[in-house]
Amino acid sequence: MKKKAVLIVVLAVSLSELWANVPNLVDYQGRLTDDSENPLDGSYSITFSI
């Protein structure tokens, strides 16, 4: 029974360490172009989804 308790504690600590390393934001840079690959200038509304 003690081995199970120790295993649970070790697992909980390990998972909390993994969760702490997950970033809250994703930084991404790219280029906005038209169909002919010409860069676009100005303001545009963009929707991202995963």
PDB file of N, CA and C in Angstrom:
ATOM      1  N   MET A   1       0.822  -1.194   0.000  1.00  0.00           N
ATOM      2  CA  MET A   1       0.000   0.000   0.000  1.00  0.00           C
ATOM      3  C   MET A   1       0.867   1.259   0.000  1.00  0.00           C
ATOM      4  N   LYS A   2       2.000   1.230   0.733  1.00  0.00           N
ATOM      5  CA  LYS A   2       2.903   2.375   0.777  1.00  0.00           C
ATOM      6  C   LYS A   2       3.505   2.649  -0.593  1.00  0.00           C
ATOM      7  N   LYS A   3       3.790   1.594  -1.342  1.00  0.00           N
ATOM      8  CA  LYS A   3       4.379   1.757  -2.672  1.00  0.00           C
ATOM      9  C   LYS A   3       3.418   2.495  -3.598  1.00  0.00           C
ATOM     10  N   LYS A   4       2.125   2.192  -3.485  1.00  0.00           N
ATOM     11  CA  LYS A   4       1.133   2.875  -4.318  1.00  0.00           C
ATOM     12  C   LYS A   4       1.061   4.358  -3.969  1.00  0.00           C
ATOM     13  N   ALA A   5       1.117   4.681  -2.681  1.00  0.00           N
ATOM     14  CA  ALA A   5       1.056   6.079  -2.249  1.00  0.00           C
ATOM     15  C   ALA A   5       2.270   6.849  -2.752  1.00  0.00           C
ATOM     16  N   VAL A   6       3.436   6.239  -2.648  1.00  0.00           N
ATOM     17  CA  VAL A   6       4.665   6.883  -3.123  1.00  0.00           C
ATOM     18  C   VAL A   6       4.597   7.073  -4.628  1.00  0.00           C
ATOM     19  N   LEU A   7       4.117   6.085  -5.335  1.00  0.00           N
ATOM     20  CA  LEU A   7       3.988   6.171  -6.787  1.00  0.00           C
ATOM     21  C   LEU A   7       3.028   7.290  -7.185  1.00  0.00           C
ATOM     22  N   ILE A   8       1.934   7.426  -6.482  1.00  0.00           N
ATOM     23  CA  ILE A   8       0.962   8.476  -6.769  1.00  0.00           C
ATOM     24  C   ILE A   8       1.575   9.850  -6.535  1.00  0.00           C
ATOM     25  N   VAL A   9       2.317  10.000  -5.440  1.00  0.00           N
ATOM     26  CA  VAL A   9       2.957  11.286  -5.143  1.00  0.00           C
ATOM     27  C   VAL A   9       3.996  11.620  -6.217  1.00  0.00           C
ATOM     28  N   VAL A  10       4.813  10.663  -6.591  1.00  0.00           N
ATOM     29  CA  VAL A  10       5.837  10.891  -7.623  1.00  0.00           C
ATOM     30  C   VAL A  10       5.181  11.242  -8.953  1.00  0.00           C
ATOM     31  N   LEU A  11       4.118  10.555  -9.305  1.00  0.00           N
ATOM     32  CA  LEU A  11       3.403  10.830 -10.540  1.00  0.00           C
ATOM     33  C   LEU A  11       2.782  12.227 -10.521  1.00  0.00           C
ATOM     34  N   ALA A  12       2.186  12.607  -9.407  1.00  0.00           N
ATOM     35  CA  ALA A  12       1.568  13.927  -9.287  1.00  0.00           C
ATOM     36  C   ALA A  12       2.609  15.034  -9.416  1.00  0.00           C
ATOM     37  N   VAL A  13       3.754  14.863  -8.788  1.00  0.00           N
ATOM     38  CA  VAL A  13       4.822  15.864  -8.876  1.00  0.00           C
ATOM     39  C   VAL A  13       5.347  15.940 -10.309  1.00  0.00           C
ATOM     40  N   SER A  14       5.522  14.805 -10.952  1.00  0.00           N
ATOM     41  CA  SER A  14       6.010  14.784 -12.333  1.00  0.00           C
ATOM     42  C   SER A  14       5.036  15.476 -13.268  1.00  0.00           C
ATOM     43  N   LEU A  15       3.760  15.203 -13.123  1.00  0.00           N
ATOM     44  CA  LEU A  15       2.756  15.820 -13.988  1.00  0.00           C
ATOM     45  C   LEU A  15       2.666  17.320 -13.753  1.00  0.00           C
ATOM     46  N   SER A  16       2.804  17.756 -12.502  1.00  0.00           N
ATOM     47  CA  SER A  16       2.752  19.187 -12.229  1.00  0.00           C
ATOM     48  C   SER A  16       3.943  19.901 -12.861  1.00  0.00           C
ATOM     49  N   GLU A  17       5.097  19.250 -12.898  1.00  0.00           N
ATOM     50  CA  GLU A  17       6.272  19.830 -13.551  1.00  0.00           C
ATOM     51  C   GLU A  17       6.050  19.944 -15.048  1.00  0.00           C
ATOM     52  N   LEU A  18       5.454  18.941 -15.657  1.00  0.00           N
ATOM     53  CA  LEU A  18       5.164  18.996 -17.092  1.00  0.00           C
ATOM     54  C   LEU A  18       4.157  20.096 -17.394  1.00  0.00           C
ATOM     55  N   TRP A  19       3.128  20.218 -16.589  1.00  0.00           N
ATOM     56  CA  TRP A  19       2.102  21.231 -16.800  1.00  0.00           C
ATOM     57  C   TRP A  19       2.704  22.628 -16.661  1.00  0.00           C
ATOM     58  N   ALA A  20       3.652  22.795 -15.770  1.00  0.00           N
ATOM     59  CA  ALA A  20       4.257  24.107 -15.544  1.00  0.00           C
ATOM     60  C   ALA A  20       5.062  24.562 -16.755  1.00  0.00           C
ATOM     61  N   ASN A  21       5.525  23.656 -17.592  1.00  0.00           N
ATOM     62  CA  ASN A  21       6.351  24.001 -18.746  1.00  0.00           C
ATOM     63  C   ASN A  21       5.540  24.279 -20.008  1.00  0.00           C
ATOM     64  N   VAL A  22       4.230  24.163 -19.963  1.00  0.00           N
ATOM     65  CA  VAL A  22       3.392  24.426 -21.126  1.00  0.00           C
ATOM     66  C   VAL A  22       3.198  25.932 -21.261  1.00  0.00           C
ATOM     67  N   PRO A  23       3.564  26.524 -22.420  1.00  0.00           N
ATOM     68  CA  PRO A  23       3.404  27.967 -22.569  1.00  0.00           C
ATOM     69  C   PRO A  23       1.939  28.372 -22.692  1.00  0.00           C
ATOM     70  N   ASN A  24       1.604  29.554 -22.194  1.00  0.00           N
ATOM     71  CA  ASN A  24       0.243  30.062 -22.285  1.00  0.00           C
ATOM     72  C   ASN A  24      -0.032  30.712 -23.630  1.00  0.00           C
ATOM     73  N   LEU A  25       1.010  31.125 -24.331  1.00  0.00           N
ATOM     74  CA  LEU A  25       0.867  31.806 -25.607  1.00  0.00           C
ATOM     75  C   LEU A  25       1.682  31.091 -26.675  1.00  0.00           C
ATOM     76  N   VAL A  26       1.237  31.214 -27.904  1.00  0.00           N
ATOM     77  CA  VAL A  26       1.983  30.697 -29.042  1.00  0.00           C
ATOM     78  C   VAL A  26       2.373  31.895 -29.894  1.00  0.00           C
ATOM     79  N   ASP A  27       3.654  32.111 -30.073  1.00  0.00           N
ATOM     80  CA  ASP A  27       4.150  33.225 -30.870  1.00  0.00           C
ATOM     81  C   ASP A  27       4.416  32.724 -32.285  1.00  0.00           C
ATOM     82  N   TYR A  28       3.816  33.388 -33.265  1.00  0.00           N
ATOM     83  CA  TYR A  28       3.978  32.971 -34.657  1.00  0.00           C
ATOM     84  C   TYR A  28       4.115  34.198 -35.530  1.00  0.00           C
ATOM     85  N   GLN A  29       5.057  34.177 -36.446  1.00  0.00           N
ATOM     86  CA  GLN A  29       5.220  35.264 -37.404  1.00  0.00           C
ATOM     87  C   GLN A  29       5.094  34.696 -38.803  1.00  0.00           C
ATOM     88  N   GLY A  30       4.508  35.453 -39.688  1.00  0.00           N
ATOM     89  CA  GLY A  30       4.356  35.010 -41.064  1.00  0.00           C
ATOM     90  C   GLY A  30       4.167  36.200 -41.991  1.00  0.00           C
ATOM     91  N   ARG A  31       3.898  35.908 -43.249  1.00  0.00           N
ATOM     92  CA  ARG A  31       3.671  36.948 -44.243  1.00  0.00           C
ATOM     93  C   ARG A  31       2.272  36.806 -44.795  1.00  0.00           C
ATOM     94  N   LEU A  32       1.601  37.932 -44.941  1.00  0.00           N
ATOM     95  CA  LEU A  32       0.273  37.948 -45.539  1.00  0.00           C
ATOM     96  C   LEU A  32       0.435  38.349 -47.000  1.00  0.00           C
ATOM     97  N   THR A  33       0.034  37.459 -47.909  1.00  0.00           N
ATOM     98  CA  THR A  33       0.186  37.716 -49.335  1.00  0.00           C
ATOM     99  C   THR A  33      -1.127  37.475 -50.065  1.00  0.00           C
ATOM    100  N   ASP A  34      -1.197  37.998 -51.292  1.00  0.00           N
ATOM    101  CA  ASP A  34      -2.356  37.731 -52.130  1.00  0.00           C
ATOM    102  C   ASP A  34      -2.121  36.422 -52.894  1.00  0.00           C
ATOM    103  N   ASP A  35      -3.004  36.109 -53.838  1.00  0.00           N
ATOM    104  CA  ASP A  35      -2.892  34.854 -54.596  1.00  0.00           C
ATOM    105  C   ASP A  35      -1.632  34.772 -55.451  1.00  0.00           C
ATOM    106  N   SER A  36      -1.054  35.935 -55.781  1.00  0.00           N
ATOM    107  CA  SER A  36       0.162  35.976 -56.603  1.00  0.00           C
ATOM    108  C   SER A  36       1.425  36.095 -55.758  1.00  0.00           C
ATOM    109  N   GLU A  37       1.293  35.873 -54.465  1.00  0.00           N
ATOM    110  CA  GLU A  37       2.422  35.945 -53.509  1.00  0.00           C
ATOM    111  C   GLU A  37       2.957  37.368 -53.330  1.00  0.00           C
ATOM    112  N   ASN A  38       2.184  38.392 -53.675  1.00  0.00           N
ATOM    113  CA  ASN A  38       2.577  39.775 -53.427  1.00  0.00           C
ATOM    114  C   ASN A  38       2.198  40.136 -51.994  1.00  0.00           C
ATOM    115  N   PRO A  39       3.113  40.785 -51.254  1.00  0.00           N
ATOM    116  CA  PRO A  39       2.805  41.135 -49.867  1.00  0.00           C
ATOM    117  C   PRO A  39       1.645  42.127 -49.794  1.00  0.00           C
ATOM    118  N   LEU A  40       0.804  41.960 -48.792  1.00  0.00           N
ATOM    119  CA  LEU A  40      -0.322  42.859 -48.579  1.00  0.00           C
ATOM    120  C   LEU A  40       0.049  43.877 -47.504  1.00  0.00           C
ATOM    121  N   ASP A  41      -0.497  45.073 -47.635  1.00  0.00           N
ATOM    122  CA  ASP A  41      -0.234  46.148 -46.687  1.00  0.00           C
ATOM    123  C   ASP A  41      -1.579  46.657 -46.178  1.00  0.00           C
ATOM    124  N   GLY A  42      -1.666  46.990 -44.921  1.00  0.00           N
ATOM    125  CA  GLY A  42      -2.898  47.513 -44.373  1.00  0.00           C
ATOM    126  C   GLY A  42      -3.402  46.668 -43.219  1.00  0.00           C
ATOM    127  N   SER A  43      -4.637  46.880 -42.837  1.00  0.00           N
ATOM    128  CA  SER A  43      -5.244  46.152 -41.725  1.00  0.00           C
ATOM    129  C   SER A  43      -6.210  45.097 -42.260  1.00  0.00           C
ATOM    130  N   TYR A  44      -6.131  43.902 -41.716  1.00  0.00           N
ATOM    131  CA  TYR A  44      -6.985  42.800 -42.133  1.00  0.00           C
ATOM    132  C   TYR A  44      -7.476  42.046 -40.902  1.00  0.00           C
ATOM    133  N   SER A  45      -8.673  41.554 -40.964  1.00  0.00           N
ATOM    134  CA  SER A  45      -9.206  40.699 -39.904  1.00  0.00           C
ATOM    135  C   SER A  45      -8.865  39.255 -40.258  1.00  0.00           C
ATOM    136  N   ILE A  46      -8.289  38.545 -39.309  1.00  0.00           N
ATOM    137  CA  ILE A  46      -7.883  37.151 -39.528  1.00  0.00           C
ATOM    138  C   ILE A  46      -8.424  36.329 -38.381  1.00  0.00           C
ATOM    139  N   THR A  47      -8.968  35.158 -38.702  1.00  0.00           N
ATOM    140  CA  THR A  47      -9.453  34.224 -37.683  1.00  0.00           C
ATOM    141  C   THR A  47      -8.607  32.953 -37.744  1.00  0.00           C
ATOM    142  N   PHE A  48      -8.071  32.548 -36.603  1.00  0.00           N
ATOM    143  CA  PHE A  48      -7.304  31.313 -36.490  1.00  0.00           C
ATOM    144  C   PHE A  48      -8.107  30.310 -35.704  1.00  0.00           C
ATOM    145  N   SER A  49      -7.974  29.065 -36.070  1.00  0.00           N
ATOM    146  CA  SER A  49      -8.604  28.009 -35.282  1.00  0.00           C
ATOM    147  C   SER A  49      -7.725  26.766 -35.319  1.00  0.00           C
ATOM    148  N   ILE A  50      -7.867  25.993 -34.290  1.00  0.00           N
ATOM    149  CA  ILE A  50      -7.081  24.752 -34.195  1.00  0.00           C
ATOM    150  C   ILE A  50      -8.048  23.594 -34.077  1.00  0.00           C
TER     151      ILE A  50
END
